Amino acid sequence: MNSAHWEALKAQAQRVIEKTIAKLPLEVRAEAQKVPFLFETECEDDPDILGTYGHFLPGEVSVANGPIVLYLATIADFCDEDGEDFDEQVRLTYLHELGHHLGWDEDDLEERGLG
């Protein structure tokens, strides 16, 4: 991926996440604002992963504060292959990982439409 394309993806994802955070309920927004998010091209351990969250503890809000990592090249490739919208996938992936910060496991996320 060339650097201009990478910078454009990062800027687009940044805007999506900022808009997403702004629309969250106040208590969740306050928590989301504490958690840093980072962008990388892809996960070295598993190139199919769209995002990760460090320090997940089921049923507990993490005191470690992440970070949330979104793998933008992987998200873009996934969207191209499956005809998905990049902005929507960034939003969903961010919310999924934020849910882990809040202590939600995969079943909790699925119930909230973020599985």
PDB file of N, CA and C in Angstrom:
ATOM      1  N   MET A   1       0.854  -1.171   0.000  1.00  0.00           N
ATOM      2  CA  MET A   1       0.000   0.000   0.000  1.00  0.00           C
ATOM      3  C   MET A   1       0.902   1.236   0.000  1.00  0.00           C
ATOM      4  N   ASN A   2       0.620   2.156  -0.905  1.00  0.00           N
ATOM      5  CA  ASN A   2       1.457   3.349  -0.951  1.00  0.00           C
ATOM      6  C   ASN A   2       1.088   4.299   0.191  1.00  0.00           C
ATOM      7  N   SER A   3       2.001   5.201   0.491  1.00  0.00           N
ATOM      8  CA  SER A   3       1.817   6.060   1.674  1.00  0.00           C
ATOM      9  C   SER A   3       0.642   7.027   1.529  1.00  0.00           C
ATOM     10  N   ALA A   4       0.356   7.489   0.324  1.00  0.00           N
ATOM     11  CA  ALA A   4      -0.783   8.399   0.130  1.00  0.00           C
ATOM     12  C   ALA A   4      -2.100   7.674   0.407  1.00  0.00           C
ATOM     13  N   HIS A   5      -2.206   6.443  -0.078  1.00  0.00           N
ATOM     14  CA  HIS A   5      -3.419   5.649   0.174  1.00  0.00           C
ATOM     15  C   HIS A   5      -3.555   5.349   1.669  1.00  0.00           C
ATOM     16  N   TRP A   6      -2.445   5.002   2.322  1.00  0.00           N
ATOM     17  CA  TRP A   6      -2.451   4.717   3.752  1.00  0.00           C
ATOM     18  C   TRP A   6      -2.895   5.951   4.549  1.00  0.00           C
ATOM     19  N   GLU A   7      -2.361   7.111   4.222  1.00  0.00           N
ATOM     20  CA  GLU A   7      -2.732   8.340   4.928  1.00  0.00           C
ATOM     21  C   GLU A   7      -4.217   8.664   4.722  1.00  0.00           C
ATOM     22  N   ALA A   8      -4.719   8.406   3.517  1.00  0.00           N
ATOM     23  CA  ALA A   8      -6.138   8.656   3.242  1.00  0.00           C
ATOM     24  C   ALA A   8      -7.023   7.708   4.053  1.00  0.00           C
ATOM     25  N   LEU A   9      -6.630   6.428   4.134  1.00  0.00           N
ATOM     26  CA  LEU A   9      -7.395   5.469   4.936  1.00  0.00           C
ATOM     27  C   LEU A   9      -7.401   5.874   6.409  1.00  0.00           C
ATOM     28  N   LYS A  10      -6.249   6.279   6.916  1.00  0.00           N
ATOM     29  CA  LYS A  10      -6.167   6.691   8.321  1.00  0.00           C
ATOM     30  C   LYS A  10      -7.047   7.907   8.593  1.00  0.00           C
ATOM     31  N   ALA A  11      -7.002   8.884   7.717  1.00  0.00           N
ATOM     32  CA  ALA A  11      -7.812  10.100   7.898  1.00  0.00           C
ATOM     33  C   ALA A  11      -9.302   9.762   7.854  1.00  0.00           C
ATOM     34  N   GLN A  12      -9.686   8.902   6.927  1.00  0.00           N
ATOM     35  CA  GLN A  12     -11.087   8.501   6.803  1.00  0.00           C
ATOM     36  C   GLN A  12     -11.529   7.751   8.057  1.00  0.00           C
ATOM     37  N   ALA A  13     -10.718   6.802   8.529  1.00  0.00           N
ATOM     38  CA  ALA A  13     -11.057   6.029   9.726  1.00  0.00           C
ATOM     39  C   ALA A  13     -11.123   6.926  10.957  1.00  0.00           C
ATOM     40  N   GLN A  14     -10.230   7.884  11.048  1.00  0.00           N
ATOM     41  CA  GLN A  14     -10.234   8.832  12.170  1.00  0.00           C
ATOM     42  C   GLN A  14     -11.566   9.585  12.220  1.00  0.00           C
ATOM     43  N   ARG A  15     -12.015  10.069  11.066  1.00  0.00           N
ATOM     44  CA  ARG A  15     -13.296  10.793  11.006  1.00  0.00           C
ATOM     45  C   ARG A  15     -14.459   9.898  11.428  1.00  0.00           C
ATOM     46  N   VAL A  16     -14.458   8.666  10.943  1.00  0.00           N
ATOM     47  CA  VAL A  16     -15.532   7.728  11.267  1.00  0.00           C
ATOM     48  C   VAL A  16     -15.580   7.478  12.776  1.00  0.00           C
ATOM     49  N   ILE A  17     -14.439   7.252  13.375  1.00  0.00           N
ATOM     50  CA  ILE A  17     -14.399   6.961  14.814  1.00  0.00           C
ATOM     51  C   ILE A  17     -14.801   8.181  15.626  1.00  0.00           C
ATOM     52  N   GLU A  18     -14.355   9.350  15.231  1.00  0.00           N
ATOM     53  CA  GLU A  18     -14.752  10.567  15.957  1.00  0.00           C
ATOM     54  C   GLU A  18     -16.263  10.765  15.900  1.00  0.00           C
ATOM     55  N   LYS A  19     -16.868  10.546  14.732  1.00  0.00           N
ATOM     56  CA  LYS A  19     -18.329  10.660  14.602  1.00  0.00           C
ATOM     57  C   LYS A  19     -19.030   9.586  15.437  1.00  0.00           C
ATOM     58  N   THR A  20     -18.479   8.389  15.439  1.00  0.00           N
ATOM     59  CA  THR A  20     -19.060   7.285  16.204  1.00  0.00           C
ATOM     60  C   THR A  20     -19.051   7.599  17.692  1.00  0.00           C
ATOM     61  N   ILE A  21     -17.926   8.076  18.194  1.00  0.00           N
ATOM     62  CA  ILE A  21     -17.812   8.416  19.612  1.00  0.00           C
ATOM     63  C   ILE A  21     -18.797   9.525  19.971  1.00  0.00           C
ATOM     64  N   ALA A  22     -18.921  10.519  19.107  1.00  0.00           N
ATOM     65  CA  ALA A  22     -19.819  11.647  19.379  1.00  0.00           C
ATOM     66  C   ALA A  22     -21.278  11.216  19.507  1.00  0.00           C
ATOM     67  N   LYS A  23     -21.655  10.103  18.867  1.00  0.00           N
ATOM     68  CA  LYS A  23     -23.041   9.636  18.896  1.00  0.00           C
ATOM     69  C   LYS A  23     -23.325   8.648  20.023  1.00  0.00           C
ATOM     70  N   LEU A  24     -22.308   8.266  20.781  1.00  0.00           N
ATOM     71  CA  LEU A  24     -22.506   7.294  21.856  1.00  0.00           C
ATOM     72  C   LEU A  24     -23.264   7.917  23.025  1.00  0.00           C
ATOM     73  N   PRO A  25     -23.987   7.102  23.779  1.00  0.00           N
ATOM     74  CA  PRO A  25     -24.598   7.622  25.013  1.00  0.00           C
ATOM     75  C   PRO A  25     -23.511   8.200  25.921  1.00  0.00           C
ATOM     76  N   LEU A  26     -23.864   9.199  26.694  1.00  0.00           N
ATOM     77  CA  LEU A  26     -22.889   9.965  27.481  1.00  0.00           C
ATOM     78  C   LEU A  26     -21.943   9.097  28.292  1.00  0.00           C
ATOM     79  N   GLU A  27     -22.471   8.124  29.042  1.00  0.00           N
ATOM     80  CA  GLU A  27     -21.599   7.318  29.897  1.00  0.00           C
ATOM     81  C   GLU A  27     -20.640   6.457  29.083  1.00  0.00           C
ATOM     82  N   VAL A  28     -21.102   5.935  27.943  1.00  0.00           N
ATOM     83  CA  VAL A  28     -20.234   5.133  27.082  1.00  0.00           C
ATOM     84  C   VAL A  28     -19.232   6.045  26.368  1.00  0.00           C
ATOM     85  N   ARG A  29     -19.688   7.215  25.945  1.00  0.00           N
ATOM     86  CA  ARG A  29     -18.795   8.175  25.295  1.00  0.00           C
ATOM     87  C   ARG A  29     -17.643   8.552  26.216  1.00  0.00           C
ATOM     88  N   ALA A  30     -17.952   8.811  27.493  1.00  0.00           N
ATOM     89  CA  ALA A  30     -16.909   9.178  28.460  1.00  0.00           C
ATOM     90  C   ALA A  30     -15.871   8.062  28.571  1.00  0.00           C
ATOM     91  N   GLU A  31     -16.320   6.832  28.567  1.00  0.00           N
ATOM     92  CA  GLU A  31     -15.398   5.697  28.647  1.00  0.00           C
ATOM     93  C   GLU A  31     -14.604   5.569  27.348  1.00  0.00           C
ATOM     94  N   ALA A  32     -15.267   5.730  26.209  1.00  0.00           N
ATOM     95  CA  ALA A  32     -14.598   5.609  24.910  1.00  0.00           C
ATOM     96  C   ALA A  32     -13.494   6.653  24.755  1.00  0.00           C
ATOM     97  N   GLN A  33     -13.715   7.833  25.289  1.00  0.00           N
ATOM     98  CA  GLN A  33     -12.729   8.896  25.163  1.00  0.00           C
ATOM     99  C   GLN A  33     -11.455   8.611  25.955  1.00  0.00           C
ATOM    100  N   LYS A  34     -11.506   7.664  26.866  1.00  0.00           N
ATOM    101  CA  LYS A  34     -10.330   7.284  27.653  1.00  0.00           C
ATOM    102  C   LYS A  34      -9.451   6.266  26.928  1.00  0.00           C
ATOM    103  N   VAL A  35     -10.025   5.597  25.927  1.00  0.00           N
ATOM    104  CA  VAL A  35      -9.342   4.465  25.295  1.00  0.00           C
ATOM    105  C   VAL A  35      -8.667   4.906  24.002  1.00  0.00           C
ATOM    106  N   PRO A  36      -7.341   4.819  23.944  1.00  0.00           N
ATOM    107  CA  PRO A  36      -6.670   5.185  22.688  1.00  0.00           C
ATOM    108  C   PRO A  36      -6.974   4.169  21.596  1.00  0.00           C
ATOM    109  N   PHE A  37      -7.001   4.666  20.365  1.00  0.00           N
ATOM    110  CA  PHE A  37      -7.141   3.756  19.220  1.00  0.00           C
ATOM    111  C   PHE A  37      -5.993   4.026  18.273  1.00  0.00           C
ATOM    112  N   LEU A  38      -5.518   2.955  17.679  1.00  0.00           N
ATOM    113  CA  LEU A  38      -4.370   3.000  16.784  1.00  0.00           C
ATOM    114  C   LEU A  38      -4.740   2.352  15.463  1.00  0.00           C
ATOM    115  N   PHE A  39      -4.027   2.735  14.423  1.00  0.00           N
ATOM    116  CA  PHE A  39      -4.230   2.139  13.104  1.00  0.00           C
ATOM    117  C   PHE A  39      -2.957   1.436  12.667  1.00  0.00           C
ATOM    118  N   GLU A  40      -3.121   0.205  12.203  1.00  0.00           N
ATOM    119  CA  GLU A  40      -2.034  -0.550  11.595  1.00  0.00           C
ATOM    120  C   GLU A  40      -2.572  -1.131  10.292  1.00  0.00           C
ATOM    121  N   THR A  41      -1.670  -1.590   9.439  1.00  0.00           N
ATOM    122  CA  THR A  41      -2.128  -2.145   8.167  1.00  0.00           C
ATOM    123  C   THR A  41      -2.807  -3.488   8.370  1.00  0.00           C
ATOM    124  N   GLU A  42      -2.113  -4.436   9.040  1.00  0.00           N
ATOM    125  CA  GLU A  42      -2.693  -5.752   9.290  1.00  0.00           C
ATOM    126  C   GLU A  42      -2.066  -6.362  10.528  1.00  0.00           C
ATOM    127  N   CYS A  43      -2.752  -7.338  11.077  1.00  0.00           N
ATOM    128  CA  CYS A  43      -2.268  -8.045  12.261  1.00  0.00           C
ATOM    129  C   CYS A  43      -1.198  -9.043  11.821  1.00  0.00           C
ATOM    130  N   GLU A  44      -0.034  -8.972  12.434  1.00  0.00           N
ATOM    131  CA  GLU A  44       1.045  -9.893  12.065  1.00  0.00           C
ATOM    132  C   GLU A  44       0.712 -11.329  12.432  1.00  0.00           C
ATOM    133  N   ASP A  45      -0.010 -11.527  13.548  1.00  0.00           N
ATOM    134  CA  ASP A  45      -0.325 -12.877  14.010  1.00  0.00           C
ATOM    135  C   ASP A  45      -1.448 -13.536  13.209  1.00  0.00           C
ATOM    136  N   ASP A  46      -2.391 -12.733  12.747  1.00  0.00           N
ATOM    137  CA  ASP A  46      -3.527 -13.263  11.992  1.00  0.00           C
ATOM    138  C   ASP A  46      -3.994 -12.201  11.003  1.00  0.00           C
ATOM    139  N   PRO A  47      -3.595 -12.325   9.737  1.00  0.00           N
ATOM    140  CA  PRO A  47      -3.909 -11.280   8.755  1.00  0.00           C
ATOM    141  C   PRO A  47      -5.389 -11.121   8.429  1.00  0.00           C
ATOM    142  N   ASP A  48      -6.266 -11.958   8.997  1.00  0.00           N
ATOM    143  CA  ASP A  48      -7.702 -11.834   8.756  1.00  0.00           C
ATOM    144  C   ASP A  48      -8.424 -11.033   9.835  1.00  0.00           C
ATOM    145  N   ILE A  49      -7.738 -10.698  10.911  1.00  0.00           N
ATOM    146  CA  ILE A  49      -8.351  -9.973  12.019  1.00  0.00           C
ATOM    147  C   ILE A  49      -8.522  -8.500  11.633  1.00  0.00           C
ATOM    148  N   LEU A  50      -9.724  -7.962  11.882  1.00  0.00           N
ATOM    149  CA  LEU A  50     -10.014  -6.565  11.535  1.00  0.00           C
ATOM    150  C   LEU A  50      -9.624  -5.596  12.648  1.00  0.00           C
ATOM    151  N   GLY A  51      -9.643  -6.073  13.894  1.00  0.00           N
ATOM    152  CA  GLY A  51      -9.307  -5.213  15.018  1.00  0.00           C
ATOM    153  C   GLY A  51      -9.001  -6.035  16.244  1.00  0.00           C
ATOM    154  N   THR A  52      -8.330  -5.412  17.205  1.00  0.00           N
ATOM    155  CA  THR A  52      -8.024  -6.082  18.472  1.00  0.00           C
ATOM    156  C   THR A  52      -8.159  -5.084  19.614  1.00  0.00           C
ATOM    157  N   TYR A  53      -8.324  -5.654  20.797  1.00  0.00           N
ATOM    158  CA  TYR A  53      -8.329  -4.860  22.019  1.00  0.00           C
ATOM    159  C   TYR A  53      -7.468  -5.581  23.041  1.00  0.00           C
ATOM    160  N   GLY A  54      -6.544  -4.861  23.636  1.00  0.00           N
ATOM    161  CA  GLY A  54      -5.696  -5.462  24.659  1.00  0.00           C
ATOM    162  C   GLY A  54      -6.376  -5.473  26.007  1.00  0.00           C
ATOM    163  N   HIS A  55      -6.097  -6.497  26.787  1.00  0.00           N
ATOM    164  CA  HIS A  55      -6.512  -6.559  28.197  1.00  0.00           C
ATOM    165  C   HIS A  55      -8.003  -6.775  28.402  1.00  0.00           C
ATOM    166  N   PHE A  56      -8.624  -7.602  27.583  1.00  0.00           N
ATOM    167  CA  PHE A  56     -10.053  -7.896  27.724  1.00  0.00           C
ATOM    168  C   PHE A  56     -10.293  -8.779  28.938  1.00  0.00           C
ATOM    169  N   LEU A  57     -11.226  -8.367  29.785  1.00  0.00           N
ATOM    170  CA  LEU A  57     -11.676  -9.164  30.924  1.00  0.00           C
ATOM    171  C   LEU A  57     -13.192  -9.274  30.850  1.00  0.00           C
ATOM    172  N   PRO A  58     -13.734 -10.477  30.625  1.00  0.00           N
ATOM    173  CA  PRO A  58     -15.188 -10.625  30.514  1.00  0.00           C
ATOM    174  C   PRO A  58     -15.908 -10.077  31.748  1.00  0.00           C
ATOM    175  N   GLY A  59     -16.932  -9.275  31.509  1.00  0.00           N
ATOM    176  CA  GLY A  59     -17.769  -8.754  32.573  1.00  0.00           C
ATOM    177  C   GLY A  59     -17.203  -7.576  33.344  1.00  0.00           C
ATOM    178  N   GLU A  60     -16.027  -7.075  32.940  1.00  0.00           N
ATOM    179  CA  GLU A  60     -15.411  -5.960  33.662  1.00  0.00           C
ATOM    180  C   GLU A  60     -14.946  -4.886  32.684  1.00  0.00           C
ATOM    181  N   VAL A  61     -15.188  -3.632  33.058  1.00  0.00           N
ATOM    182  CA  VAL A  61     -14.609  -2.537  32.285  1.00  0.00           C
ATOM    183  C   VAL A  61     -13.109  -2.572  32.539  1.00  0.00           C
ATOM    184  N   SER A  62     -12.346  -2.575  31.496  1.00  0.00           N
ATOM    185  CA  SER A  62     -10.892  -2.678  31.613  1.00  0.00           C
ATOM    186  C   SER A  62     -10.305  -1.405  32.208  1.00  0.00           C
ATOM    187  N   VAL A  63      -9.407  -1.574  33.153  1.00  0.00           N
ATOM    188  CA  VAL A  63      -8.677  -0.426  33.695  1.00  0.00           C
ATOM    189  C   VAL A  63      -7.414  -0.166  32.883  1.00  0.00           C
ATOM    190  N   ALA A  64      -7.069  -1.102  31.998  1.00  0.00           N
ATOM    191  CA  ALA A  64      -5.847  -0.981  31.202  1.00  0.00           C
ATOM    192  C   ALA A  64      -5.991   0.003  30.046  1.00  0.00           C
ATOM    193  N   ASN A  65      -7.217   0.283  29.647  1.00  0.00           N
ATOM    194  CA  ASN A  65      -7.487   1.217  28.549  1.00  0.00           C
ATOM    195  C   ASN A  65      -6.813   0.857  27.241  1.00  0.00           C
ATOM    196  N   GLY A  66      -6.946  -0.390  26.873  1.00  0.00           N
ATOM    197  CA  GLY A  66      -6.613  -0.810  25.522  1.00  0.00           C
ATOM    198  C   GLY A  66      -5.165  -1.037  25.226  1.00  0.00           C
ATOM    199  N   PRO A  67      -4.786  -0.618  24.059  1.00  0.00           N
ATOM    200  CA  PRO A  67      -5.500   0.194  23.069  1.00  0.00           C
ATOM    201  C   PRO A  67      -6.402  -0.643  22.157  1.00  0.00           C
ATOM    202  N   ILE A  68      -7.257   0.057  21.448  1.00  0.00           N
ATOM    203  CA  ILE A  68      -8.008  -0.529  20.347  1.00  0.00           C
ATOM    204  C   ILE A  68      -7.129  -0.362  19.114  1.00  0.00           C
ATOM    205  N   VAL A  69      -6.932  -1.449  18.391  1.00  0.00           N
ATOM    206  CA  VAL A  69      -6.143  -1.392  17.155  1.00  0.00           C
ATOM    207  C   VAL A  69      -7.045  -1.815  16.002  1.00  0.00           C
ATOM    208  N   LEU A  70      -7.138  -0.973  14.993  1.00  0.00           N
ATOM    209  CA  LEU A  70      -7.867  -1.308  13.771  1.00  0.00           C
ATOM    210  C   LEU A  70      -6.857  -1.543  12.654  1.00  0.00           C
ATOM    211  N   TYR A  71      -7.039  -2.638  11.930  1.00  0.00           N
ATOM    212  CA  TYR A  71      -6.144  -3.019  10.840  1.00  0.00           C
ATOM    213  C   TYR A  71      -6.772  -2.566   9.523  1.00  0.00           C
ATOM    214  N   LEU A  72      -6.416  -1.369   9.113  1.00  0.00           N
ATOM    215  CA  LEU A  72      -7.127  -0.696   8.025  1.00  0.00           C
ATOM    216  C   LEU A  72      -6.968  -1.348   6.661  1.00  0.00           C
ATOM    217  N   ALA A  73      -5.789  -1.863   6.352  1.00  0.00           N
ATOM    218  CA  ALA A  73      -5.628  -2.536   5.055  1.00  0.00           C
ATOM    219  C   ALA A  73      -6.474  -3.801   5.020  1.00  0.00           C
ATOM    220  N   THR A  74      -6.538  -4.508   6.135  1.00  0.00           N
ATOM    221  CA  THR A  74      -7.364  -5.713   6.210  1.00  0.00           C
ATOM    222  C   THR A  74      -8.841  -5.353   6.074  1.00  0.00           C
ATOM    223  N   ILE A  75      -9.258  -4.282   6.753  1.00  0.00           N
ATOM    224  CA  ILE A  75     -10.650  -3.831   6.644  1.00  0.00           C
ATOM    225  C   ILE A  75     -10.965  -3.441   5.202  1.00  0.00           C
ATOM    226  N   ALA A  76     -10.064  -2.687   4.576  1.00  0.00           N
ATOM    227  CA  ALA A  76     -10.285  -2.263   3.189  1.00  0.00           C
ATOM    228  C   ALA A  76     -10.367  -3.468   2.254  1.00  0.00           C
ATOM    229  N   ASP A  77      -9.485  -4.443   2.430  1.00  0.00           N
ATOM    230  CA  ASP A  77      -9.517  -5.653   1.599  1.00  0.00           C
ATOM    231  C   ASP A  77     -10.812  -6.429   1.817  1.00  0.00           C
ATOM    232  N   PHE A  78     -11.215  -6.566   3.075  1.00  0.00           N
ATOM    233  CA  PHE A  78     -12.463  -7.252   3.407  1.00  0.00           C
ATOM    234  C   PHE A  78     -13.639  -6.568   2.713  1.00  0.00           C
ATOM    235  N   CYS A  79     -13.671  -5.253   2.773  1.00  0.00           N
ATOM    236  CA  CYS A  79     -14.767  -4.500   2.154  1.00  0.00           C
ATOM    237  C   CYS A  79     -14.773  -4.671   0.641  1.00  0.00           C
ATOM    238  N   ASP A  80     -13.598  -4.631   0.025  1.00  0.00           N
ATOM    239  CA  ASP A  80     -13.496  -4.814  -1.425  1.00  0.00           C
ATOM    240  C   ASP A  80     -13.990  -6.203  -1.842  1.00  0.00           C
ATOM    241  N   GLU A  81     -13.586  -7.225  -1.074  1.00  0.00           N
ATOM    242  CA  GLU A  81     -13.945  -8.606  -1.412  1.00  0.00           C
ATOM    243  C   GLU A  81     -15.430  -8.889  -1.194  1.00  0.00           C
ATOM    244  N   ASP A  82     -15.995  -8.315  -0.127  1.00  0.00           N
ATOM    245  CA  ASP A  82     -17.373  -8.638   0.240  1.00  0.00           C
ATOM    246  C   ASP A  82     -18.380  -7.554  -0.125  1.00  0.00           C
ATOM    247  N   GLY A  83     -17.916  -6.494  -0.780  1.00  0.00           N
ATOM    248  CA  GLY A  83     -18.814  -5.421  -1.175  1.00  0.00           C
ATOM    249  C   GLY A  83     -19.368  -4.630   0.005  1.00  0.00           C
ATOM    250  N   GLU A  84     -18.609  -4.574   1.079  1.00  0.00           N
ATOM    251  CA  GLU A  84     -19.032  -3.841   2.276  1.00  0.00           C
ATOM    252  C   GLU A  84     -18.539  -2.398   2.207  1.00  0.00           C
ATOM    253  N   ASP A  85     -19.171  -1.531   2.996  1.00  0.00           N
ATOM    254  CA  ASP A  85     -18.791  -0.120   3.067  1.00  0.00           C
ATOM    255  C   ASP A  85     -17.667   0.056   4.086  1.00  0.00           C
ATOM    256  N   PHE A  86     -16.568   0.676   3.679  1.00  0.00           N
ATOM    257  CA  PHE A  86     -15.401   0.858   4.549  1.00  0.00           C
ATOM    258  C   PHE A  86     -15.774   1.612   5.817  1.00  0.00           C
ATOM    259  N   ASP A  87     -16.484   2.730   5.697  1.00  0.00           N
ATOM    260  CA  ASP A  87     -16.841   3.523   6.873  1.00  0.00           C
ATOM    261  C   ASP A  87     -17.670   2.702   7.860  1.00  0.00           C
ATOM    262  N   GLU A  88     -18.637   1.972   7.357  1.00  0.00           N
ATOM    263  CA  GLU A  88     -19.487   1.161   8.232  1.00  0.00           C
ATOM    264  C   GLU A  88     -18.688   0.054   8.905  1.00  0.00           C
ATOM    265  N   GLN A  89     -17.762  -0.545   8.181  1.00  0.00           N
ATOM    266  CA  GLN A  89     -16.957  -1.621   8.772  1.00  0.00           C
ATOM    267  C   GLN A  89     -15.998  -1.065   9.819  1.00  0.00           C
ATOM    268  N   VAL A  90     -15.438   0.110   9.587  1.00  0.00           N
ATOM    269  CA  VAL A  90     -14.594   0.752  10.604  1.00  0.00           C
ATOM    270  C   VAL A  90     -15.433   1.022  11.847  1.00  0.00           C
ATOM    271  N   ARG A  91     -16.635   1.553  11.659  1.00  0.00           N
ATOM    272  CA  ARG A  91     -17.517   1.854  12.789  1.00  0.00           C
ATOM    273  C   ARG A  91     -17.824   0.586  13.588  1.00  0.00           C
ATOM    274  N   LEU A  92     -18.234  -0.471  12.892  1.00  0.00           N
ATOM    275  CA  LEU A  92     -18.575  -1.723  13.561  1.00  0.00           C
ATOM    276  C   LEU A  92     -17.376  -2.354  14.266  1.00  0.00           C
ATOM    277  N   THR A  93     -16.232  -2.331  13.613  1.00  0.00           N
ATOM    278  CA  THR A  93     -15.034  -2.917  14.217  1.00  0.00           C
ATOM    279  C   THR A  93     -14.616  -2.121  15.452  1.00  0.00           C
ATOM    280  N   TYR A  94     -14.668  -0.804  15.358  1.00  0.00           N
ATOM    281  CA  TYR A  94     -14.344   0.031  16.518  1.00  0.00           C
ATOM    282  C   TYR A  94     -15.306  -0.269  17.671  1.00  0.00           C
ATOM    283  N   LEU A  95     -16.600  -0.309  17.396  1.00  0.00           N
ATOM    284  CA  LEU A  95     -17.586  -0.575  18.447  1.00  0.00           C
ATOM    285  C   LEU A  95     -17.413  -1.971  19.040  1.00  0.00           C
ATOM    286  N   HIS A  96     -17.070  -2.937  18.209  1.00  0.00           N
ATOM    287  CA  HIS A  96     -16.810  -4.296  18.680  1.00  0.00           C
ATOM    288  C   HIS A  96     -15.668  -4.285  19.694  1.00  0.00           C
ATOM    289  N   GLU A  97     -14.572  -3.638  19.329  1.00  0.00           N
ATOM    290  CA  GLU A  97     -13.405  -3.598  20.219  1.00  0.00           C
ATOM    291  C   GLU A  97     -13.682  -2.748  21.459  1.00  0.00           C
ATOM    292  N   LEU A  98     -14.430  -1.671  21.315  1.00  0.00           N
ATOM    293  CA  LEU A  98     -14.828  -0.872  22.476  1.00  0.00           C
ATOM    294  C   LEU A  98     -15.684  -1.725  23.413  1.00  0.00           C
ATOM    295  N   GLY A  99     -16.534  -2.568  22.837  1.00  0.00           N
ATOM    296  CA  GLY A  99     -17.327  -3.483  23.642  1.00  0.00           C
ATOM    297  C   GLY A  99     -16.455  -4.392  24.489  1.00  0.00           C
ATOM    298  N   HIS A 100     -15.338  -4.861  23.939  1.00  0.00           N
ATOM    299  CA  HIS A 100     -14.410  -5.666  24.739  1.00  0.00           C
ATOM    300  C   HIS A 100     -13.864  -4.840  25.902  1.00  0.00           C
ATOM    301  N   HIS A 101     -13.565  -3.584  25.647  1.00  0.00           N
ATOM    302  CA  HIS A 101     -13.107  -2.701  26.729  1.00  0.00           C
ATOM    303  C   HIS A 101     -14.149  -2.644  27.845  1.00  0.00           C
ATOM    304  N   LEU A 102     -15.412  -2.642  27.460  1.00  0.00           N
ATOM    305  CA  LEU A 102     -16.501  -2.558  28.432  1.00  0.00           C
ATOM    306  C   LEU A 102     -16.791  -3.906  29.098  1.00  0.00           C
ATOM    307  N   GLY A 103     -16.049  -4.949  28.697  1.00  0.00           N
ATOM    308  CA  GLY A 103     -16.205  -6.255  29.312  1.00  0.00           C
ATOM    309  C   GLY A 103     -17.176  -7.176  28.605  1.00  0.00           C
ATOM    310  N   TRP A 104     -17.630  -6.801  27.423  1.00  0.00           N
ATOM    311  CA  TRP A 104     -18.576  -7.615  26.676  1.00  0.00           C
ATOM    312  C   TRP A 104     -17.831  -8.730  25.945  1.00  0.00           C
ATOM    313  N   ASP A 105     -18.290  -9.947  26.120  1.00  0.00           N
ATOM    314  CA  ASP A 105     -17.699 -11.062  25.390  1.00  0.00           C
ATOM    315  C   ASP A 105     -18.372 -11.191  24.019  1.00  0.00           C
ATOM    316  N   GLU A 106     -18.006 -12.205  23.278  1.00  0.00           N
ATOM    317  CA  GLU A 106     -18.536 -12.350  21.912  1.00  0.00           C
ATOM    318  C   GLU A 106     -20.057 -12.510  21.902  1.00  0.00           C
ATOM    319  N   ASP A 107     -20.619 -13.219  22.874  1.00  0.00           N
ATOM    320  CA  ASP A 107     -22.077 -13.375  22.938  1.00  0.00           C
ATOM    321  C   ASP A 107     -22.751 -12.028  23.210  1.00  0.00           C
ATOM    322  N   ASP A 108     -22.190 -11.252  24.152  1.00  0.00           N
ATOM    323  CA  ASP A 108     -22.732  -9.920  24.447  1.00  0.00           C
ATOM    324  C   ASP A 108     -22.701  -9.037  23.199  1.00  0.00           C
ATOM    325  N   LEU A 109     -21.589  -9.094  22.478  1.00  0.00           N
ATOM    326  CA  LEU A 109     -21.437  -8.289  21.263  1.00  0.00           C
ATOM    327  C   LEU A 109     -22.441  -8.713  20.202  1.00  0.00           C
ATOM    328  N   GLU A 110     -22.624 -10.011  20.055  1.00  0.00           N
ATOM    329  CA  GLU A 110     -23.572 -10.537  19.069  1.00  0.00           C
ATOM    330  C   GLU A 110     -24.986 -10.052  19.382  1.00  0.00           C
ATOM    331  N   GLU A 111     -25.361 -10.070  20.666  1.00  0.00           N
ATOM    332  CA  GLU A 111     -26.679  -9.594  21.076  1.00  0.00           C
ATOM    333  C   GLU A 111     -26.892  -8.121  20.736  1.00  0.00           C
ATOM    334  N   ARG A 112     -25.813  -7.366  20.687  1.00  0.00           N
ATOM    335  CA  ARG A 112     -25.884  -5.928  20.393  1.00  0.00           C
ATOM    336  C   ARG A 112     -25.647  -5.634  18.912  1.00  0.00           C
ATOM    337  N   GLY A 113     -25.557  -6.680  18.091  1.00  0.00           N
ATOM    338  CA  GLY A 113     -25.352  -6.490  16.655  1.00  0.00           C
ATOM    339  C   GLY A 113     -23.929  -6.141  16.294  1.00  0.00           C
ATOM    340  N   LEU A 114     -22.981  -6.480  17.168  1.00  0.00           N
ATOM    341  CA  LEU A 114     -21.582  -6.125  16.926  1.00  0.00           C
ATOM    342  C   LEU A 114     -20.694  -7.373  16.834  1.00  0.00           C
ATOM    343  N   GLY A 115     -21.303  -8.508  16.565  1.00  0.00           N
ATOM    344  CA  GLY A 115     -20.552  -9.778  16.553  1.00  0.00           C
ATOM    345  C   GLY A 115     -19.669  -9.961  15.380  1.00  0.00           C
TER     346      GLY A 115
END
